[in-house]
Amino acid sequence: MQIRFSDIDPLNHVNNSCIFQYYDVGRIHYLTDVLQESLKWSETTIVIVHIDADFLNPILQNDNIEVQTRISRIGNKSVTISQRIIDDKGLIKSTCVSIMSGFDRQKGQSTLIPQDFKQRFLDYEGVSSEQDLIS
């Protein structure tokens, strides 16, 4: 993940609002890898409905960091994504859990996640069932 000069706050740390942008980038890359295609946001049928992050250690401008992303739960209407930012020494800088819900754009309401969509996540994570995902 590239840390930009504009990400740094007056305390010389990456500002927490920028960390959420890092998690967004990680989610987009993960979803693109799982789906094996570029996301078409005007057609996307999954939206973020909850996000929660813990800031464990400051991220500094010269840190080499990466965002790790995986699915930790799949339900009928939602997918829980667990993420963390670590540096090149293995120090966990931040953790994040977000919940994405199936969404019917025409009705403006939540909807079931299609089974083939769920199966792509399971295949990517190398598990055979939703119960095999590690929280």
C-alpha atoms as a PDB file:
ATOM      1  CA  MET A   1       0.000   0.000   0.000  1.00  0.00           C
ATOM      2  CA  GLN A   2       1.387   3.387  -0.913  1.00  0.00           C
ATOM      3  CA  ILE A   3       1.405   5.926   1.889  1.00  0.00           C
ATOM      4  CA  ARG A   4       0.996   9.419   0.484  1.00  0.00           C
ATOM      5  CA  PHE A   5       2.321  12.578   2.092  1.00  0.00           C
ATOM      6  CA  SER A   6      -1.255  13.875   2.289  1.00  0.00           C
ATOM      7  CA  ASP A   7      -2.202  10.833   4.424  1.00  0.00           C
ATOM      8  CA  ILE A   8      -0.039  12.097   7.309  1.00  0.00           C
ATOM      9  CA  ASP A   9      -1.685  14.053  10.132  1.00  0.00           C
ATOM     10  CA  PRO A  10      -0.102  16.654  12.488  1.00  0.00           C
ATOM     11  CA  LEU A  11       0.994  13.834  14.831  1.00  0.00           C
ATOM     12  CA  ASN A  12       3.082  12.377  11.969  1.00  0.00           C
ATOM     13  CA  HIS A  13       0.805   9.314  11.719  1.00  0.00           C
ATOM     14  CA  VAL A  14      -1.425   8.192   8.882  1.00  0.00           C
ATOM     15  CA  ASN A  15      -4.817   9.753   9.640  1.00  0.00           C
ATOM     16  CA  ASN A  16      -7.493   7.215  10.558  1.00  0.00           C
ATOM     17  CA  SER A  17      -9.769   8.375   7.728  1.00  0.00           C
ATOM     18  CA  CYS A  18      -7.027   7.418   5.260  1.00  0.00           C
ATOM     19  CA  ILE A  19      -6.793   3.977   6.850  1.00  0.00           C
ATOM     20  CA  PHE A  20     -10.416   3.373   5.843  1.00  0.00           C
ATOM     21  CA  GLN A  21      -9.381   4.208   2.270  1.00  0.00           C
ATOM     22  CA  TYR A  22      -6.639   1.563   2.513  1.00  0.00           C
ATOM     23  CA  TYR A  23      -9.283  -0.955   3.591  1.00  0.00           C
ATOM     24  CA  ASP A  24     -11.455   0.082   0.622  1.00  0.00           C
ATOM     25  CA  VAL A  25      -8.561  -0.615  -1.756  1.00  0.00           C
ATOM     26  CA  GLY A  26      -8.003  -4.010  -0.103  1.00  0.00           C
ATOM     27  CA  ARG A  27     -11.692  -4.914  -0.455  1.00  0.00           C
ATOM     28  CA  ILE A  28     -11.775  -3.887  -4.109  1.00  0.00           C
ATOM     29  CA  HIS A  29      -8.685  -5.970  -4.911  1.00  0.00           C
ATOM     30  CA  TYR A  30     -10.087  -8.933  -2.993  1.00  0.00           C
ATOM     31  CA  LEU A  31     -13.481  -8.782  -4.714  1.00  0.00           C
ATOM     32  CA  THR A  32     -11.817  -8.422  -8.114  1.00  0.00           C
ATOM     33  CA  ASP A  33      -9.634 -11.469  -7.390  1.00  0.00           C
ATOM     34  CA  VAL A  34     -12.625 -13.523  -6.216  1.00  0.00           C
ATOM     35  CA  LEU A  35     -14.933 -12.539  -9.057  1.00  0.00           C
ATOM     36  CA  GLN A  36     -12.162 -12.654 -11.704  1.00  0.00           C
ATOM     37  CA  GLU A  37     -13.485  -9.479 -13.325  1.00  0.00           C
ATOM     38  CA  SER A  38     -13.479  -5.740 -12.784  1.00  0.00           C
ATOM     39  CA  LEU A  39     -16.318  -4.565 -10.606  1.00  0.00           C
ATOM     40  CA  LYS A  40     -19.028  -2.574 -12.330  1.00  0.00           C
ATOM     41  CA  TRP A  41     -20.204  -0.396  -9.455  1.00  0.00           C
ATOM     42  CA  SER A  42     -23.309   0.726 -11.340  1.00  0.00           C
ATOM     43  CA  GLU A  43     -24.400  -2.940 -11.417  1.00  0.00           C
ATOM     44  CA  THR A  44     -22.972  -4.125  -8.098  1.00  0.00           C
ATOM     45  CA  THR A  45     -25.465  -5.932  -5.909  1.00  0.00           C
ATOM     46  CA  ILE A  46     -23.474  -5.865  -2.675  1.00  0.00           C
ATOM     47  CA  VAL A  47     -23.015  -2.824  -0.423  1.00  0.00           C
ATOM     48  CA  ILE A  48     -21.263  -2.041   2.869  1.00  0.00           C
ATOM     49  CA  VAL A  49     -23.751  -1.845   5.737  1.00  0.00           C
ATOM     50  CA  HIS A  50     -21.341  -1.846   8.707  1.00  0.00           C
ATOM     51  CA  ILE A  51     -17.661  -1.168   9.300  1.00  0.00           C
ATOM     52  CA  ASP A  52     -15.626  -1.335  12.496  1.00  0.00           C
ATOM     53  CA  ALA A  53     -11.890  -0.747  12.891  1.00  0.00           C
ATOM     54  CA  ASP A  54      -9.324  -0.834  15.663  1.00  0.00           C
ATOM     55  CA  PHE A  55      -6.159   1.245  15.402  1.00  0.00           C
ATOM     56  CA  LEU A  56      -3.547  -0.772  17.274  1.00  0.00           C
ATOM     57  CA  ASN A  57      -0.227   0.846  16.292  1.00  0.00           C
ATOM     58  CA  PRO A  58       0.447   4.064  14.418  1.00  0.00           C
ATOM     59  CA  ILE A  59       1.230   3.875  10.727  1.00  0.00           C
ATOM     60  CA  LEU A  60       4.123   6.184   9.905  1.00  0.00           C
ATOM     61  CA  GLN A  61       5.086   7.653   6.550  1.00  0.00           C
ATOM     62  CA  ASN A  62       8.052   5.347   5.964  1.00  0.00           C
ATOM     63  CA  ASP A  63       6.290   2.141   7.012  1.00  0.00           C
ATOM     64  CA  ASN A  64       5.945  -0.590   4.400  1.00  0.00           C
ATOM     65  CA  ILE A  65       2.419  -1.870   4.865  1.00  0.00           C
ATOM     66  CA  GLU A  66      -0.010  -4.234   3.232  1.00  0.00           C
ATOM     67  CA  VAL A  67      -3.722  -4.835   3.616  1.00  0.00           C
ATOM     68  CA  GLN A  68      -4.722  -8.462   4.122  1.00  0.00           C
ATOM     69  CA  THR A  69      -8.327  -9.318   3.329  1.00  0.00           C
ATOM     70  CA  ARG A  70     -10.447 -12.451   3.681  1.00  0.00           C
ATOM     71  CA  ILE A  71     -14.023 -13.566   4.149  1.00  0.00           C
ATOM     72  CA  SER A  72     -14.783 -14.695   7.697  1.00  0.00           C
ATOM     73  CA  ARG A  73     -18.520 -15.372   7.349  1.00  0.00           C
ATOM     74  CA  ILE A  74     -21.111 -15.789   4.626  1.00  0.00           C
ATOM     75  CA  GLY A  75     -24.803 -15.648   5.461  1.00  0.00           C
ATOM     76  CA  ASN A  76     -27.922 -15.633   3.329  1.00  0.00           C
ATOM     77  CA  LYS A  77     -27.911 -11.867   2.836  1.00  0.00           C
ATOM     78  CA  SER A  78     -24.495 -10.753   4.081  1.00  0.00           C
ATOM     79  CA  VAL A  79     -20.762 -11.350   3.865  1.00  0.00           C
ATOM     80  CA  THR A  80     -18.374 -10.473   6.687  1.00  0.00           C
ATOM     81  CA  ILE A  81     -14.938  -9.331   5.553  1.00  0.00           C
ATOM     82  CA  SER A  82     -12.020  -9.355   7.982  1.00  0.00           C
ATOM     83  CA  GLN A  83      -8.993  -7.219   7.203  1.00  0.00           C
ATOM     84  CA  ARG A  84      -5.799  -6.098   8.810  1.00  0.00           C
ATOM     85  CA  ILE A  85      -2.932  -3.809   7.976  1.00  0.00           C
ATOM     86  CA  ILE A  86       0.502  -5.153   8.810  1.00  0.00           C
ATOM     87  CA  ASP A  87       3.990  -3.805   8.275  1.00  0.00           C
ATOM     88  CA  ASP A  88       6.947  -5.645   6.767  1.00  0.00           C
ATOM     89  CA  LYS A  89       8.024  -6.776  10.247  1.00  0.00           C
ATOM     90  CA  GLY A  90       4.646  -8.450  10.870  1.00  0.00           C
ATOM     91  CA  LEU A  91       3.398  -5.827  13.323  1.00  0.00           C
ATOM     92  CA  ILE A  92      -0.385  -5.464  13.113  1.00  0.00           C
ATOM     93  CA  LYS A  93      -1.191  -1.780  12.715  1.00  0.00           C
ATOM     94  CA  SER A  94      -4.975  -1.982  12.433  1.00  0.00           C
ATOM     95  CA  THR A  95      -7.827  -4.468  12.110  1.00  0.00           C
ATOM     96  CA  CYS A  96     -11.182  -4.031  10.423  1.00  0.00           C
ATOM     97  CA  VAL A  97     -14.410  -5.972  10.093  1.00  0.00           C
ATOM     98  CA  SER A  98     -16.975  -4.907   7.532  1.00  0.00           C
ATOM     99  CA  ILE A  99     -20.307  -6.404   6.619  1.00  0.00           C
ATOM    100  CA  MET A 100     -21.535  -6.264   3.062  1.00  0.00           C
ATOM    101  CA  SER A 101     -25.159  -7.023   2.244  1.00  0.00           C
ATOM    102  CA  GLY A 102     -26.801  -8.247  -0.910  1.00  0.00           C
ATOM    103  CA  PHE A 103     -28.724  -5.313  -2.349  1.00  0.00           C
ATOM    104  CA  ASP A 104     -31.532  -5.055  -4.888  1.00  0.00           C
ATOM    105  CA  ARG A 105     -30.943  -1.713  -6.620  1.00  0.00           C
ATOM    106  CA  GLN A 106     -34.421  -1.566  -8.168  1.00  0.00           C
ATOM    107  CA  LYS A 107     -36.281  -2.224  -4.910  1.00  0.00           C
ATOM    108  CA  GLY A 108     -33.773  -0.358  -2.738  1.00  0.00           C
ATOM    109  CA  GLN A 109     -33.608  -3.153  -0.165  1.00  0.00           C
ATOM    110  CA  SER A 110     -31.477  -6.048   0.998  1.00  0.00           C
ATOM    111  CA  THR A 111     -31.660  -9.281  -0.937  1.00  0.00           C
ATOM    112  CA  LEU A 112     -30.278 -12.793  -0.863  1.00  0.00           C
ATOM    113  CA  ILE A 113     -26.723 -13.298  -2.049  1.00  0.00           C
ATOM    114  CA  PRO A 114     -26.812 -15.644  -5.061  1.00  0.00           C
ATOM    115  CA  GLN A 115     -25.414 -19.118  -4.370  1.00  0.00           C
ATOM    116  CA  ASP A 116     -22.932 -18.903  -7.280  1.00  0.00           C
ATOM    117  CA  PHE A 117     -21.568 -15.665  -5.782  1.00  0.00           C
ATOM    118  CA  LYS A 118     -21.161 -17.355  -2.388  1.00  0.00           C
ATOM    119  CA  GLN A 119     -19.497 -20.347  -4.046  1.00  0.00           C
ATOM    120  CA  ARG A 120     -16.874 -18.094  -5.636  1.00  0.00           C
ATOM    121  CA  PHE A 121     -15.899 -16.854  -2.159  1.00  0.00           C
ATOM    122  CA  LEU A 122     -15.730 -20.387  -0.758  1.00  0.00           C
ATOM    123  CA  ASP A 123     -13.634 -21.588  -3.699  1.00  0.00           C
ATOM    124  CA  TYR A 124     -11.281 -18.635  -3.372  1.00  0.00           C
ATOM    125  CA  GLU A 125     -10.860 -19.240   0.377  1.00  0.00           C
ATOM    126  CA  GLY A 126     -10.292 -22.954  -0.269  1.00  0.00           C
ATOM    127  CA  VAL A 127     -13.127 -24.198   1.937  1.00  0.00           C
ATOM    128  CA  SER A 128     -16.037 -26.453   1.122  1.00  0.00           C
ATOM    129  CA  SER A 129     -18.745 -24.847   3.226  1.00  0.00           C
ATOM    130  CA  GLU A 130     -19.669 -21.655   5.023  1.00  0.00           C
ATOM    131  CA  GLN A 131     -19.044 -23.386   8.366  1.00  0.00           C
ATOM    132  CA  ASP A 132     -15.393 -23.965   7.383  1.00  0.00           C
ATOM    133  CA  LEU A 133     -14.616 -20.235   7.323  1.00  0.00           C
ATOM    134  CA  ILE A 134     -12.490 -19.067  10.241  1.00  0.00           C
ATOM    135  CA  SER A 135     -13.822 -16.066  12.146  1.00  0.00           C
END
